[in-house]
Amino acid sequence: MQARGAPSTAPSSYRPLYTADERQRRDASGWTLVQGVLAPVQFVVFLVSLGLVLRYLATGEGHDAAAWSVVVKTLTLYAIMVTGCIWEKVVFGRYLFAPAFYWEDVFSMLVLALHTAYLVALFTGALGARQLMVLALVAYATYVINATQFILKLRAARLDQAQRDRSAIAAGATA
């Protein structure tokens, strides 16, 4: 079975990431801008936190800054996930697991689970300081994979739309 938005060898089964109606809803939604702002904010928070976590692991210094930076990163993750669910509902009619972003949403659940496990371990004392930072790094690795999934999907959608626009212009020029 072919995933939605993925190229197919059979032209009739190909479906772009967005239908015309979904693209219109996406472009008209304020939630698109919210996602466009939160994604780079979250990435900057991630980079700062990653630096603090690695510094702690390398030197043993800055535990509190590293620990709290992961909390801030997790809160930004929650914000982008909640607003992303709203965006997905507006554009695709469902809060999660819309066919266009199904696998990205599935992997997002792992990202959320690991970040939440970090919070639970931090506030219950279930892990030592070093183990907590290793858990943060594992959570961050899944975040990087998930962010890459979204970036590649959105890039493919842009390339697809550009090709469709060129085809429409070419068809208009020959008519």
Protein backbone atom coordinates (compact mmCIF):
# COMPACT_ATOMS: atom_id res chain seq x y z
CA MET A 1 0.00 0.00 0.00
CA GLN A 2 1.35 3.43 -0.95
CA ALA A 3 1.66 6.09 1.78
CA ARG A 4 -0.14 9.36 1.12
CA GLY A 5 2.13 11.94 -0.40
CA ALA A 6 4.79 9.41 -1.41
CA PRO A 7 5.76 9.07 -5.05
CA SER A 8 4.21 6.14 -6.87
CA THR A 9 5.00 4.31 -10.06
CA ALA A 10 1.31 4.38 -10.94
CA PRO A 11 0.38 8.03 -11.66
CA SER A 12 -3.30 7.45 -10.87
CA SER A 13 -2.51 6.36 -7.26
CA TYR A 14 -0.27 9.36 -6.48
CA ARG A 15 -1.69 11.81 -3.99
CA PRO A 16 0.09 15.02 -2.98
CA LEU A 17 0.62 15.84 0.69
CA TYR A 18 -2.21 18.40 0.62
CA THR A 19 -5.38 18.44 -1.42
CA ALA A 20 -6.38 21.85 -2.78
CA ASP A 21 -8.87 22.28 0.09
CA GLU A 22 -6.30 21.22 2.70
CA ARG A 23 -3.74 23.62 1.23
CA GLN A 24 -6.28 26.44 1.39
CA ARG A 25 -7.12 25.63 5.04
CA ARG A 26 -3.40 25.39 5.86
CA ASP A 27 -2.64 28.75 4.24
CA ALA A 28 -5.63 30.44 5.92
CA SER A 29 -4.98 29.11 9.42
CA GLY A 30 -3.24 31.17 12.06
CA TRP A 31 -2.03 27.88 13.52
CA THR A 32 0.31 27.53 10.54
CA LEU A 33 2.13 30.67 11.66
CA VAL A 34 2.18 29.42 15.27
CA GLN A 35 3.87 26.21 14.11
CA GLY A 36 6.28 28.19 11.95
CA VAL A 37 7.32 30.27 14.97
CA LEU A 38 7.39 27.49 17.58
CA ALA A 39 9.48 25.06 15.51
CA PRO A 40 12.60 27.26 15.32
CA VAL A 41 12.10 28.43 18.92
CA GLN A 42 12.04 24.81 20.05
CA PHE A 43 15.17 24.10 18.00
CA VAL A 44 17.08 26.97 19.62
CA VAL A 45 15.97 25.79 23.08
CA PHE A 46 17.12 22.28 22.11
CA LEU A 47 20.56 23.51 21.02
CA VAL A 48 21.10 25.48 24.23
CA SER A 49 19.90 22.59 26.36
CA LEU A 50 21.99 20.06 24.43
CA GLY A 51 25.06 22.19 25.09
CA LEU A 52 24.27 22.37 28.81
CA VAL A 53 23.61 18.62 29.07
CA LEU A 54 26.83 17.76 27.23
CA ARG A 55 28.78 20.21 29.39
CA TYR A 56 27.43 18.56 32.53
CA LEU A 57 28.25 15.08 31.25
CA ALA A 58 31.78 16.14 30.24
CA THR A 59 32.69 18.20 33.30
CA GLY A 60 30.18 17.43 36.05
CA GLU A 61 29.44 21.16 36.24
CA GLY A 62 26.13 22.92 35.70
CA HIS A 63 23.74 20.12 36.71
CA ASP A 64 20.87 22.41 37.69
CA ALA A 65 21.12 24.49 34.51
CA ALA A 66 21.21 21.33 32.40
CA ALA A 67 18.33 19.70 34.28
CA TRP A 68 16.08 22.74 34.06
CA SER A 69 16.97 23.36 30.43
CA VAL A 70 15.53 19.94 29.60
CA VAL A 71 12.35 20.94 31.45
CA VAL A 72 12.12 24.09 29.31
CA LYS A 73 12.76 22.03 26.16
CA THR A 74 10.02 19.60 27.20
CA LEU A 75 7.55 22.43 27.78
CA THR A 76 8.30 23.84 24.32
CA LEU A 77 7.75 20.34 22.92
CA TYR A 78 4.36 20.14 24.65
CA ALA A 79 3.42 23.56 23.28
CA ILE A 80 4.30 22.63 19.70
CA MET A 81 2.53 19.27 20.03
CA VAL A 82 -0.71 20.77 21.37
CA THR A 83 -0.77 23.54 18.78
CA GLY A 84 0.26 21.03 16.10
CA CYS A 85 -2.73 18.87 16.99
CA ILE A 86 -5.00 21.90 16.61
CA TRP A 87 -3.34 22.72 13.27
CA GLU A 88 -3.82 19.13 12.08
CA LYS A 89 -7.52 19.29 13.06
CA VAL A 90 -8.00 22.54 11.15
CA VAL A 91 -6.17 21.33 8.03
CA PHE A 92 -7.00 17.60 7.93
CA GLY A 93 -10.07 17.26 10.15
CA ARG A 94 -8.42 15.17 12.88
CA TYR A 95 -6.20 15.98 15.82
CA LEU A 96 -3.61 13.28 15.21
CA PHE A 97 -2.61 10.60 12.75
CA ALA A 98 -3.92 12.29 9.62
CA PRO A 99 -2.70 10.14 6.73
CA ALA A 100 -0.42 12.92 5.45
CA PHE A 101 1.55 12.98 8.73
CA TYR A 102 0.79 9.53 10.15
CA TRP A 103 4.36 8.29 10.64
CA GLU A 104 5.57 11.64 11.89
CA ASP A 105 2.78 11.58 14.49
CA VAL A 106 3.56 7.99 15.47
CA PHE A 107 7.21 8.87 16.09
CA SER A 108 6.13 12.03 17.92
CA MET A 109 4.49 9.78 20.50
CA LEU A 110 7.89 8.24 21.27
CA VAL A 111 9.44 11.71 21.52
CA LEU A 112 6.70 12.77 23.95
CA ALA A 113 7.03 9.58 25.98
CA LEU A 114 10.79 10.00 26.44
CA HIS A 115 10.56 13.68 27.34
CA THR A 116 7.76 12.90 29.79
CA ALA A 117 9.79 10.05 31.27
CA TYR A 118 12.55 12.59 31.88
CA LEU A 119 10.14 14.83 33.82
CA VAL A 120 8.83 11.92 35.87
CA ALA A 121 12.35 10.73 36.66
CA LEU A 122 13.50 14.26 37.53
CA PHE A 123 10.62 15.03 39.88
CA THR A 124 10.50 11.59 41.53
CA GLY A 125 14.24 11.12 41.84
CA ALA A 126 13.92 7.79 40.01
CA LEU A 127 17.26 8.26 38.23
CA GLY A 128 20.61 9.61 39.26
CA ALA A 129 21.90 12.83 37.75
CA ARG A 130 24.04 11.16 35.10
CA GLN A 131 21.32 8.66 34.09
CA LEU A 132 18.85 11.53 33.86
CA MET A 133 21.12 13.35 31.41
CA VAL A 134 21.55 10.19 29.34
CA LEU A 135 17.75 9.89 29.19
CA ALA A 136 17.63 13.52 28.04
CA LEU A 137 20.09 12.70 25.24
CA VAL A 138 17.99 9.73 24.15
CA ALA A 139 14.89 11.95 24.12
CA TYR A 140 16.84 14.54 22.13
CA ALA A 141 17.97 11.95 19.59
CA THR A 142 14.33 11.02 18.94
CA TYR A 143 13.46 14.71 18.66
CA VAL A 144 16.13 15.19 15.97
CA ILE A 145 14.82 12.19 14.02
CA ASN A 146 11.25 13.46 14.30
CA ALA A 147 12.19 17.00 13.30
CA THR A 148 14.02 15.57 10.30
CA GLN A 149 10.89 13.60 9.34
CA PHE A 150 8.83 16.80 9.31
CA ILE A 151 11.46 18.82 7.45
CA LEU A 152 11.78 16.17 4.73
CA LYS A 153 8.00 15.85 4.41
CA LEU A 154 7.49 19.59 4.09
CA ARG A 155 10.38 19.90 1.63
CA ALA A 156 8.85 17.14 -0.51
CA ALA A 157 5.51 18.96 -0.42
CA ARG A 158 7.15 22.21 -1.56
CA LEU A 159 8.98 20.44 -4.38
CA ASP A 160 5.77 18.69 -5.41
CA GLN A 161 3.84 21.96 -5.45
CA ALA A 162 6.58 23.67 -7.48
CA GLN A 163 6.44 20.84 -10.04
CA ARG A 164 2.65 21.05 -10.19
CA ASP A 165 2.87 24.84 -10.68
CA ARG A 166 5.41 24.41 -13.51
CA SER A 167 3.21 21.78 -15.13
CA ALA A 168 0.18 24.06 -14.92
CA ILE A 169 2.12 26.95 -16.46
CA ALA A 170 3.42 24.69 -19.24
CA ALA A 171 -0.09 23.39 -19.90
CA GLY A 172 -1.39 26.96 -20.05
CA ALA A 173 1.36 28.00 -22.45
CA THR A 174 0.49 25.22 -24.89
CA ALA A 175 -3.24 25.84 -24.75
